[in-house]
Amino acid sequence: MKVFCAVMIHETSRFSPIPTGLENFREAFLYLPSTGEGSDWRSQTLDGVNWAEIWEARGHKPAFGLLAGAQPSRPMGRENYARLRTEMLDAVAAAMPLDAVALFLHGAQVAEGTDDCEGDLLAAIRDVVGPSVPIGVSFDLHGNVSDTMIESADIALACLEYPHIDFGDRAEQLAGLLERTVAGEINPVLTRQRVPMLGTYYTTEPAMRELVDAVRSLEGEDNILAVSLTHGFAWSDVADCSANVILCTDGETPKAKAVLEDIANRYFAMRDTIRAERMSAEDAIAEAMRTEDGPVIIADTTDNPGGGAAGDSTFLLRALLDAGASDAALGMLWDPMAVRFALRAGPGARMALRIGGKCGPGSGAPLDVEAEIVAGRTDATQLAQGMDMPLGDAVLIKVDGISIVLNSLRNQVFDPACFEAFGIDPRTQKIVVVKGQQHFHEAFAPFAARIIYATPPGAVSMDYRAMQFERIPRPIYPLDEPPFDAFGRNWSA
């Protein structure tokens, strides 16, 4: 079986201060089929997915197309998106004839003039391969699912876990379903029900854990091949944003509508109970200092580079300093200029340094500090969902008893290695502040005495009512209170 494989991952935020060009992809991963530039397909594992290993282990022949991924940021420009789109489509055409197409997309990618990049790509690929070649796509549960995506793909699977620890499992599941489709064993059909709510729901919380486990248990029953629950990504601000329930069934299944409605009703009814408790910066620090055991992990959720924030906000750092906290570490504060100055000064130096607060109102004001330069690295990395992710040039500074990791390649915290690379063991700290929403949880939860989700001001604001949305469909919770009519039906309070 000859399978075309391609990857295009960009979670787009219209509220991000960070512009997006091809250099953003080159910083993360990029392979251009037309020139051979960039990453090696066979050695590249992305979020636990390595298409080469998956298909070759199954005895099939993968044909590799575009491999592109960048940290979340603003919508791409028209020309850059057109370049990557052309690379994708030309590679598909060159690989024909094909037995199947396997794609790994994000689901919330936006470009100037194209609010639904995934739907645009899937429809264009369908035009190239024709109606008989099955197309399967794996995507992020923060995807904004469109009608075009559902109509153009044969199989669509979102990851179910947040943090996203199951991308590899879902990719294997997708491969198995594509094999069975090509063999004529199944006839996959996609149906979905949009659910009018916005939010980010952690599957480490009991209520969401129960819902996801119940949904997963339906797979394999009543011709249900796969079930996906998506959360949507509000910061993309597109008309397709909402939560979703998606079924992939073997043929038209009479029970599909009833199953969709049942899951959607349960999902919507749990809209408040599946939200994790969140605190202001000041309350989070005060609560952490009152907690007897440590370490207390504080997630700086609104400055999450994984949601498009700059990663340079100073609200939580200022709260730590104002509270007189000690035995505390914070990472990673994105500040390439401060890193450059600190590396030049070298370990052991003491210097006045202006840090953070450089990318706009969501970053807060910069802090002028007297810093001790503790350590510097140019080769530090962290493990991020199966990927070895460099931090770029980075330094550890100490300010009033607080250890701060500054880095020059913007990314969220996944791994204690962000601290360990500079001699800081987060397990021995009283308080550890991490820039991120939830992906830190997998590696930090095993040793955390407590995890607190903080919501200071930031580019990834959790206060949806205060955001200037222009395209989000209405009515939708929590912008609107039920009961109301949305997506073809009534939703009760």
Protein backbone atom coordinates (compact mmCIF):
# COMPACT_ATOMS: atom_id res chain seq x y z
CA MET A 1 0.00 0.00 0.00
CA LYS A 2 1.39 3.41 -0.98
CA VAL A 3 0.44 6.14 1.49
CA PHE A 4 1.06 9.86 1.11
CA CYS A 5 2.10 11.44 4.42
CA ALA A 6 2.23 15.12 5.27
CA VAL A 7 2.29 17.34 8.36
CA MET A 8 1.15 20.97 8.69
CA ILE A 9 0.85 22.24 12.27
CA HIS A 10 0.20 25.81 13.31
CA GLU A 11 -2.19 26.79 16.08
CA THR A 12 -3.12 30.34 15.17
CA SER A 13 -4.12 33.12 17.55
CA ARG A 14 -5.38 36.42 16.26
CA PHE A 15 -4.53 37.85 19.68
CA SER A 16 -0.86 36.83 19.55
CA PRO A 17 1.76 39.58 19.26
CA ILE A 18 4.10 37.24 17.35
CA PRO A 19 4.16 37.44 13.51
CA THR A 20 4.33 34.23 11.47
CA GLY A 21 6.59 33.62 8.50
CA LEU A 22 8.58 30.71 7.11
CA GLU A 23 11.31 31.43 9.66
CA ASN A 24 8.91 30.41 12.42
CA PHE A 25 8.68 26.97 10.80
CA ARG A 26 12.42 26.75 10.25
CA GLU A 27 12.92 27.35 13.98
CA ALA A 28 10.73 24.33 14.75
CA PHE A 29 10.59 21.91 11.81
CA LEU A 30 10.24 22.31 8.07
CA TYR A 31 10.83 20.04 5.09
CA LEU A 32 10.09 21.40 1.62
CA PRO A 33 9.65 18.59 -0.95
CA SER A 34 10.44 20.85 -3.91
CA THR A 35 13.97 21.64 -2.70
CA GLY A 36 14.71 18.99 -0.10
CA GLU A 37 15.34 21.73 2.43
CA GLY A 38 15.00 20.97 6.11
CA SER A 39 14.08 18.21 8.51
CA ASP A 40 14.61 14.50 7.99
CA TRP A 41 11.25 12.74 7.81
CA ARG A 42 12.47 9.41 9.15
CA SER A 43 14.13 10.83 12.25
CA GLN A 44 11.39 13.35 13.02
CA THR A 45 8.88 12.35 15.70
CA LEU A 46 6.27 15.06 16.14
CA ASP A 47 4.05 14.90 19.22
CA GLY A 48 4.68 11.16 19.35
CA VAL A 49 3.86 10.66 15.65
CA ASN A 50 6.45 9.29 13.21
CA TRP A 51 4.65 8.44 9.96
CA ALA A 52 7.72 6.70 8.53
CA GLU A 53 7.93 4.28 11.46
CA ILE A 54 4.17 3.71 11.59
CA TRP A 55 3.73 2.82 7.93
CA GLU A 56 6.98 0.95 7.38
CA ALA A 57 6.32 -1.17 10.49
CA ARG A 58 3.02 -2.13 8.89
CA GLY A 59 4.75 -3.15 5.67
CA HIS A 60 3.62 -0.20 3.58
CA LYS A 61 5.42 2.39 1.49
CA PRO A 62 5.11 6.01 2.69
CA ALA A 63 5.52 8.86 0.22
CA PHE A 64 6.64 11.94 2.10
CA GLY A 65 5.27 15.41 1.40
CA LEU A 66 5.39 18.67 3.32
CA LEU A 67 6.61 18.60 6.91
CA ALA A 68 5.88 21.96 8.56
CA GLY A 69 5.27 23.08 12.11
CA ALA A 70 5.72 26.28 14.08
CA GLN A 71 5.03 27.60 17.56
CA PRO A 72 1.58 29.21 17.88
CA SER A 73 1.47 32.82 16.72
CA ARG A 74 -0.47 35.20 14.46
CA PRO A 75 -2.06 34.21 11.12
CA MET A 76 0.40 33.52 8.31
CA GLY A 77 0.65 35.93 5.42
CA ARG A 78 -1.01 34.97 2.13
CA GLU A 79 2.23 34.37 0.24
CA ASN A 80 3.79 32.15 2.89
CA TYR A 81 0.66 30.06 3.25
CA ALA A 82 0.37 29.78 -0.54
CA ARG A 83 3.98 28.55 -0.66
CA LEU A 84 3.36 25.77 1.87
CA ARG A 85 0.01 24.87 0.30
CA THR A 86 1.67 24.53 -3.11
CA GLU A 87 4.41 22.36 -1.62
CA MET A 88 1.74 20.08 -0.15
CA LEU A 89 -0.34 19.77 -3.33
CA ASP A 90 2.59 19.38 -5.73
CA ALA A 91 3.96 16.56 -3.57
CA VAL A 92 0.57 14.80 -3.59
CA ALA A 93 0.37 15.04 -7.37
CA ALA A 94 3.94 13.78 -7.79
CA ALA A 95 3.23 10.77 -5.55
CA MET A 96 0.21 9.56 -7.54
CA PRO A 97 -1.09 6.90 -7.89
CA LEU A 98 -1.83 6.46 -4.18
CA ASP A 99 -3.77 3.99 -2.06
CA ALA A 100 -4.34 6.37 0.84
CA VAL A 101 -3.48 9.77 2.33
CA ALA A 102 -2.49 10.23 6.00
CA LEU A 103 -2.23 13.77 7.33
CA PHE A 104 -1.28 15.25 10.68
CA LEU A 105 -2.77 18.75 10.89
CA HIS A 106 -3.47 21.01 13.82
CA GLY A 107 -7.06 22.02 13.18
CA ALA A 108 -6.80 25.67 14.23
CA GLN A 109 -4.59 27.12 11.50
CA VAL A 110 -5.50 30.49 10.02
CA ALA A 111 -3.85 32.50 7.26
CA GLU A 112 -4.64 35.91 5.86
CA GLY A 113 -7.69 35.37 3.66
CA THR A 114 -8.13 31.72 4.79
CA ASP A 115 -9.86 31.12 8.11
CA ASP A 116 -9.98 27.35 7.59
CA CYS A 117 -6.55 26.22 6.39
CA GLU A 118 -7.20 22.56 7.22
CA GLY A 119 -10.46 22.51 5.27
CA ASP A 120 -8.76 24.31 2.40
CA LEU A 121 -5.92 21.76 2.31
CA LEU A 122 -8.19 18.72 2.62
CA ALA A 123 -10.53 19.92 -0.13
CA ALA A 124 -7.58 20.66 -2.43
CA ILE A 125 -6.01 17.24 -1.77
CA ARG A 126 -9.37 15.59 -2.45
CA ASP A 127 -9.44 17.33 -5.83
CA VAL A 128 -5.99 15.90 -6.63
CA VAL A 129 -6.52 12.29 -5.49
CA GLY A 130 -10.17 11.93 -6.50
CA PRO A 131 -13.10 10.41 -4.63
CA SER A 132 -11.81 6.82 -4.35
CA VAL A 133 -8.58 7.40 -2.40
CA PRO A 134 -9.31 7.46 1.36
CA ILE A 135 -8.03 10.49 3.25
CA GLY A 136 -7.37 10.22 6.97
CA VAL A 137 -6.45 13.12 9.22
CA SER A 138 -5.28 13.25 12.82
CA PHE A 139 -5.59 16.61 14.56
CA ASP A 140 -5.48 18.46 17.87
CA LEU A 141 -8.53 18.56 20.12
CA HIS A 142 -8.09 22.34 20.07
CA GLY A 143 -8.94 22.30 16.37
CA ASN A 144 -11.82 24.35 14.99
CA VAL A 145 -13.64 21.76 12.91
CA SER A 146 -15.34 22.90 9.70
CA ASP A 147 -17.93 21.34 7.41
CA THR A 148 -15.27 21.28 4.70
CA MET A 149 -12.97 19.17 6.86
CA ILE A 150 -15.73 16.65 7.57
CA GLU A 151 -16.84 16.53 3.92
CA SER A 152 -13.33 16.18 2.48
CA ALA A 153 -11.90 13.52 4.80
CA ASP A 154 -12.96 9.90 5.17
CA ILE A 155 -11.52 9.51 8.67
CA ALA A 156 -10.87 12.31 11.18
CA LEU A 157 -9.49 11.64 14.66
CA ALA A 158 -8.71 14.25 17.28
CA CYS A 159 -6.51 13.43 20.23
CA LEU A 160 -8.61 12.89 23.35
CA GLU A 161 -6.15 13.79 26.09
CA TYR A 162 -5.06 17.17 27.45
CA PRO A 163 -2.07 17.12 27.92
CA HIS A 164 -1.88 15.50 24.47
CA ILE A 165 -0.24 12.22 25.42
CA ASP A 166 -2.21 10.13 22.89
CA PHE A 167 -1.23 11.56 19.49
CA GLY A 168 0.85 8.46 18.78
CA ASP A 169 -2.00 6.12 19.72
CA ARG A 170 -4.47 8.05 17.57
CA ALA A 171 -2.06 8.00 14.62
CA GLU A 172 -1.78 4.21 14.93
CA GLN A 173 -5.58 4.00 15.14
CA LEU A 174 -5.88 6.14 12.00
CA ALA A 175 -3.39 3.93 10.16
CA GLY A 176 -5.37 0.82 11.08
CA LEU A 177 -8.63 2.35 9.86
CA LEU A 178 -7.04 3.42 6.58
CA GLU A 179 -5.70 -0.11 6.06
CA ARG A 180 -9.15 -1.58 6.62
CA THR A 181 -10.70 1.00 4.29
CA VAL A 182 -8.29 0.20 1.44
CA ALA A 183 -8.89 -3.51 2.01
CA GLY A 184 -12.63 -2.96 1.65
CA GLU A 185 -13.38 -4.15 5.19
CA ILE A 186 -15.00 -0.89 6.31
CA ASN A 187 -16.69 2.14 4.75
CA PRO A 188 -15.92 5.05 7.11
CA VAL A 189 -18.50 7.83 7.41
CA LEU A 190 -18.02 11.03 9.43
CA THR A 191 -20.81 12.82 11.31
CA ARG A 192 -20.61 15.48 13.97
CA GLN A 193 -22.54 17.69 16.35
CA ARG A 194 -21.22 21.12 17.22
CA VAL A 195 -21.55 22.04 20.89
CA PRO A 196 -21.92 25.79 21.62
CA MET A 197 -19.27 26.36 24.25
CA LEU A 198 -15.74 27.72 24.54
CA GLY A 199 -13.16 26.42 26.97
CA THR A 200 -10.02 24.43 27.69
CA TYR A 201 -10.71 21.25 29.61
CA TYR A 202 -8.00 19.22 31.32
CA THR A 203 -8.40 15.45 31.18
CA THR A 204 -6.37 15.30 34.39
CA GLU A 205 -9.43 16.72 36.18
CA PRO A 206 -11.94 14.09 37.44
CA ALA A 207 -15.02 15.29 35.57
CA MET A 208 -13.34 15.52 32.15
CA ARG A 209 -11.50 12.26 32.80
CA GLU A 210 -14.85 10.51 33.35
CA LEU A 211 -16.36 11.97 30.17
CA VAL A 212 -13.39 11.04 27.96
CA ASP A 213 -13.27 7.51 29.36
CA ALA A 214 -17.00 7.09 28.68
CA VAL A 215 -16.58 8.32 25.10
CA ARG A 216 -13.58 6.09 24.47
CA SER A 217 -15.55 3.05 25.65
CA LEU A 218 -18.01 3.53 22.77
CA GLU A 219 -15.37 2.79 20.14
CA GLY A 220 -15.91 -0.68 18.72
CA GLU A 221 -19.63 -0.80 19.55
CA ASP A 222 -22.57 -0.35 17.16
CA ASN A 223 -20.25 0.14 14.14
CA ILE A 224 -18.55 3.10 15.86
CA LEU A 225 -14.95 3.15 14.65
CA ALA A 226 -13.81 6.26 16.53
CA VAL A 227 -15.16 9.11 18.64
CA SER A 228 -13.57 12.54 19.07
CA LEU A 229 -14.32 15.35 21.49
CA THR A 230 -12.87 18.71 20.51
CA HIS A 231 -12.63 21.84 22.63
CA GLY A 232 -11.99 24.37 19.88
CA PHE A 233 -9.48 27.21 20.02
CA ALA A 234 -11.21 30.48 20.82
CA TRP A 235 -8.17 32.68 20.17
CA SER A 236 -8.30 31.85 16.45
CA ASP A 237 -11.57 33.82 16.40
CA VAL A 238 -13.17 31.98 13.48
CA ALA A 239 -16.76 31.06 12.67
CA ASP A 240 -15.95 27.35 13.00
CA CYS A 241 -14.87 27.69 16.63
CA SER A 242 -16.82 25.59 19.13
CA ALA A 243 -16.62 22.28 20.90
CA ASN A 244 -17.54 19.22 18.80
CA VAL A 245 -18.49 15.59 19.03
CA ILE A 246 -17.32 13.66 15.93
CA LEU A 247 -18.19 10.08 15.06
CA CYS A 248 -16.47 7.90 12.51
CA THR A 249 -18.75 4.94 11.79
CA ASP A 250 -18.69 1.97 9.47
CA GLY A 251 -21.27 3.08 6.96
CA GLU A 252 -24.42 5.00 7.74
CA THR A 253 -25.32 3.91 11.26
CA PRO A 254 -28.92 4.47 12.47
CA LYS A 255 -27.73 5.01 16.04
CA ALA A 256 -25.18 7.69 15.10
CA LYS A 257 -27.53 10.64 15.59
CA ALA A 258 -28.72 9.41 18.98
CA VAL A 259 -25.13 8.78 20.11
CA LEU A 260 -24.04 12.23 18.94
CA GLU A 261 -26.91 13.92 20.75
CA ASP A 262 -26.34 11.96 23.93
CA ILE A 263 -22.63 12.82 24.12
CA ALA A 264 -23.25 16.45 23.11
CA ASN A 265 -25.93 16.86 25.79
CA ARG A 266 -23.65 15.41 28.44
CA TYR A 267 -20.71 17.55 27.29
CA PHE A 268 -22.78 20.75 27.38
CA ALA A 269 -24.34 19.90 30.74
CA MET A 270 -20.83 19.54 32.21
CA ARG A 271 -19.62 22.89 30.84
CA ASP A 272 -18.94 24.29 34.34
CA THR A 273 -17.83 21.15 36.16
CA ILE A 274 -15.11 20.35 33.61
CA ARG A 275 -13.45 23.76 34.02
CA ALA A 276 -10.39 23.70 36.28
CA GLU A 277 -10.20 26.22 39.12
CA ARG A 278 -8.08 29.25 38.24
CA MET A 279 -6.65 32.08 40.35
CA SER A 280 -5.22 35.55 39.89
CA ALA A 281 -1.45 35.93 40.05
CA GLU A 282 -1.55 37.35 43.58
CA ASP A 283 -3.96 34.70 44.89
CA ALA A 284 -1.92 31.91 43.28
CA ILE A 285 1.30 33.08 44.95
CA ALA A 286 -0.41 33.57 48.32
CA GLU A 287 -1.98 30.11 48.13
CA ALA A 288 1.34 28.53 47.19
CA MET A 289 3.12 30.21 50.09
CA ARG A 290 0.43 28.96 52.49
CA THR A 291 0.80 25.39 51.28
CA GLU A 292 3.03 23.49 53.69
CA ASP A 293 4.46 20.95 51.27
CA GLY A 294 6.27 21.59 48.03
CA PRO A 295 6.84 21.99 45.28
CA VAL A 296 3.72 23.89 44.31
CA ILE A 297 3.55 24.19 40.52
CA ILE A 298 1.89 27.37 39.25
CA ALA A 299 0.90 27.37 35.59
CA ASP A 300 1.09 30.79 33.96
CA THR A 301 -1.77 29.87 31.63
CA THR A 302 -2.40 33.24 30.01
CA ASP A 303 1.24 33.62 28.93
CA ASN A 304 1.36 30.21 27.30
CA PRO A 305 3.55 30.25 24.16
CA GLY A 306 1.63 27.12 23.17
CA GLY A 307 -1.45 29.31 22.74
CA GLY A 308 0.26 32.17 20.91
CA ALA A 309 1.45 34.27 23.86
CA ALA A 310 4.93 35.73 23.82
CA GLY A 311 6.10 33.96 26.97
CA ASP A 312 7.57 37.19 28.34
CA SER A 313 4.86 38.44 30.71
CA THR A 314 5.98 39.67 34.11
CA PHE A 315 2.76 39.53 36.16
CA LEU A 316 3.57 36.35 38.08
CA LEU A 317 7.23 37.26 38.51
CA ARG A 318 6.25 40.65 39.92
CA ALA A 319 3.79 38.91 42.28
CA LEU A 320 6.56 36.57 43.48
CA LEU A 321 8.89 39.49 44.15
CA ASP A 322 6.20 41.57 45.86
CA ALA A 323 5.28 38.63 48.11
CA GLY A 324 8.90 38.11 49.14
CA ALA A 325 8.82 34.51 47.92
CA SER A 326 12.00 32.46 48.17
CA ASP A 327 12.96 28.93 47.14
CA ALA A 328 11.14 29.69 43.91
CA ALA A 329 11.93 29.12 40.24
CA LEU A 330 10.26 30.53 37.13
CA GLY A 331 10.67 29.46 33.52
CA MET A 332 10.87 30.09 30.72
CA LEU A 333 10.80 33.84 30.27
CA TRP A 334 11.39 34.59 26.58
CA ASP A 335 13.84 37.46 26.30
CA PRO A 336 16.56 37.05 23.64
CA MET A 337 18.11 40.46 24.37
CA ALA A 338 18.44 39.84 28.11
CA VAL A 339 19.91 36.40 27.35
CA ARG A 340 22.47 37.98 25.05
CA PHE A 341 23.53 40.49 27.70
CA ALA A 342 23.70 37.82 30.43
CA LEU A 343 25.79 35.45 28.30
CA ARG A 344 28.23 38.24 27.57
CA ALA A 345 28.54 39.05 31.27
CA GLY A 346 29.05 35.37 32.11
CA PRO A 347 28.41 33.24 35.22
CA GLY A 348 29.20 34.95 38.49
CA ALA A 349 28.51 38.43 37.17
CA ARG A 350 26.05 40.77 38.88
CA MET A 351 24.33 43.31 36.68
CA ALA A 352 21.31 45.50 36.20
CA LEU A 353 19.04 43.77 33.74
CA ARG A 354 15.68 44.66 32.20
CA ILE A 355 13.66 41.48 31.66
CA GLY A 356 10.32 40.59 30.08
CA GLY A 357 7.42 42.85 29.17
CA LYS A 358 8.57 43.54 25.63
CA CYS A 359 5.77 42.31 23.34
CA GLY A 360 2.73 44.39 24.23
CA PRO A 361 0.06 44.92 26.91
CA GLY A 362 -0.38 41.17 27.44
CA SER A 363 3.25 40.99 28.53
CA GLY A 364 2.98 43.56 31.33
CA ALA A 365 5.71 46.07 32.09
CA PRO A 366 9.38 45.10 31.93
CA LEU A 367 11.13 44.54 35.25
CA ASP A 368 14.39 46.25 36.10
CA VAL A 369 16.27 43.89 38.41
CA GLU A 370 19.67 43.36 39.95
CA ALA A 371 20.52 39.91 38.63
CA GLU A 372 23.16 37.37 39.46
CA ILE A 373 24.14 35.41 36.35
CA VAL A 374 24.26 31.81 37.55
CA ALA A 375 24.68 29.74 34.37
CA GLY A 376 24.43 29.95 30.60
CA ARG A 377 23.82 27.30 27.94
CA THR A 378 23.63 27.28 24.16
CA ASP A 379 22.72 23.60 23.86
CA ALA A 380 19.92 23.04 26.40
CA THR A 381 16.84 21.10 25.27
CA GLN A 382 13.61 19.74 26.70
CA LEU A 383 11.55 16.70 25.74
CA ALA A 384 8.24 17.89 24.33
CA GLN A 385 5.75 15.14 23.44
CA GLY A 386 8.43 12.98 21.90
CA MET A 387 10.33 15.86 20.32
CA ASP A 388 13.75 17.06 21.42
CA MET A 389 13.06 20.79 21.58
CA PRO A 390 15.97 23.26 21.87
CA LEU A 391 15.70 26.24 24.19
CA GLY A 392 18.10 28.31 22.12
CA ASP A 393 20.65 30.41 23.96
CA ALA A 394 19.47 30.44 27.56
CA VAL A 395 20.57 31.56 31.00
CA LEU A 396 19.68 31.12 34.65
CA ILE A 397 19.62 34.31 36.69
CA LYS A 398 18.82 34.80 40.36
CA VAL A 399 16.85 37.80 41.62
CA ASP A 400 16.07 38.17 45.35
CA GLY A 401 16.15 34.42 45.89
CA ILE A 402 14.11 33.59 42.78
CA SER A 403 15.74 31.50 40.05
CA ILE A 404 14.63 32.58 36.57
CA VAL A 405 15.32 30.78 33.30
CA LEU A 406 15.52 33.15 30.33
CA ASN A 407 15.50 31.64 26.83
CA SER A 408 15.74 32.82 23.25
CA LEU A 409 13.63 30.23 21.36
CA ARG A 410 10.02 30.79 22.38
CA ASN A 411 8.26 27.69 23.67
CA GLN A 412 6.25 26.52 26.65
CA VAL A 413 7.52 24.36 29.49
CA PHE A 414 7.09 20.62 29.01
CA ASP A 415 9.98 19.14 30.93
CA PRO A 416 11.89 19.70 34.21
CA ALA A 417 14.98 19.73 31.97
CA CYS A 418 14.20 23.42 31.40
CA PHE A 419 15.43 23.95 34.96
CA GLU A 420 17.74 20.97 35.40
CA ALA A 421 19.95 22.06 32.51
CA PHE A 422 21.03 24.99 34.71
CA GLY A 423 21.48 23.06 37.96
CA ILE A 424 18.02 23.75 39.40
CA ASP A 425 16.03 20.72 40.61
CA PRO A 426 12.36 21.77 40.57
CA ARG A 427 11.58 18.97 43.03
CA THR A 428 13.45 20.83 45.76
CA GLN A 429 11.81 24.22 45.20
CA LYS A 430 8.91 25.54 47.25
CA ILE A 431 7.28 27.20 44.22
CA VAL A 432 7.82 26.53 40.50
CA VAL A 433 6.13 28.82 37.97
CA VAL A 434 5.91 27.38 34.46
CA LYS A 435 4.89 29.21 31.31
CA GLY A 436 2.20 26.95 29.88
CA GLN A 437 -1.41 25.88 30.01
CA GLN A 438 -1.31 22.12 30.66
CA HIS A 439 1.39 20.23 28.77
CA PHE A 440 3.77 20.55 31.73
CA HIS A 441 1.40 18.31 33.71
CA GLU A 442 2.69 14.98 32.40
CA ALA A 443 6.24 15.53 33.67
CA PHE A 444 5.63 17.78 36.70
CA ALA A 445 2.53 16.24 38.30
CA PRO A 446 4.33 13.11 39.60
CA PHE A 447 6.38 15.20 42.05
CA ALA A 448 4.08 18.22 42.60
CA ALA A 449 2.54 18.69 46.04
CA ARG A 450 -0.10 20.83 44.33
CA ILE A 451 -0.82 22.37 40.93
CA ILE A 452 -2.41 25.83 40.66
CA TYR A 453 -3.64 27.35 37.41
CA ALA A 454 -3.07 31.11 37.42
CA THR A 455 -4.75 33.59 35.11
CA PRO A 456 -3.03 36.96 35.24
CA PRO A 457 -3.62 39.31 32.29
CA GLY A 458 -2.14 37.91 29.10
CA ALA A 459 -2.43 37.26 25.38
CA VAL A 460 -4.16 33.91 26.03
CA SER A 461 -6.85 35.49 28.17
CA MET A 462 -9.26 33.06 29.83
CA ASP A 463 -11.82 35.85 30.27
CA TYR A 464 -13.72 35.27 27.03
CA ARG A 465 -16.28 37.97 27.82
CA ALA A 466 -13.55 40.61 27.86
CA MET A 467 -12.10 39.60 24.48
CA GLN A 468 -12.87 41.44 21.26
CA PHE A 469 -14.11 38.51 19.20
CA GLU A 470 -15.37 39.33 15.70
CA ARG A 471 -16.10 35.93 14.15
CA ILE A 472 -17.01 33.53 16.98
CA PRO A 473 -20.52 32.12 16.34
CA ARG A 474 -23.26 33.32 18.67
CA PRO A 475 -24.94 32.33 20.87
CA ILE A 476 -22.20 30.36 22.61
CA TYR A 477 -21.35 29.72 26.26
CA PRO A 478 -19.91 31.49 28.25
CA LEU A 479 -20.46 34.55 26.07
CA ASP A 480 -24.17 33.76 26.24
CA GLU A 481 -26.23 31.98 28.87
CA PRO A 482 -28.51 29.10 27.89
CA PRO A 483 -31.21 28.24 27.08
CA PHE A 484 -30.69 29.23 23.45
CA ASP A 485 -30.84 27.83 19.93
CA ALA A 486 -27.55 27.07 18.20
CA PHE A 487 -26.24 24.69 15.52
CA GLY A 488 -29.68 23.49 14.52
CA ARG A 489 -31.13 22.66 17.94
CA ASN A 490 -32.04 23.97 21.38
CA TRP A 491 -29.61 23.85 24.28
CA SER A 492 -31.16 23.90 27.75
CA ALA A 493 -29.79 25.63 30.81
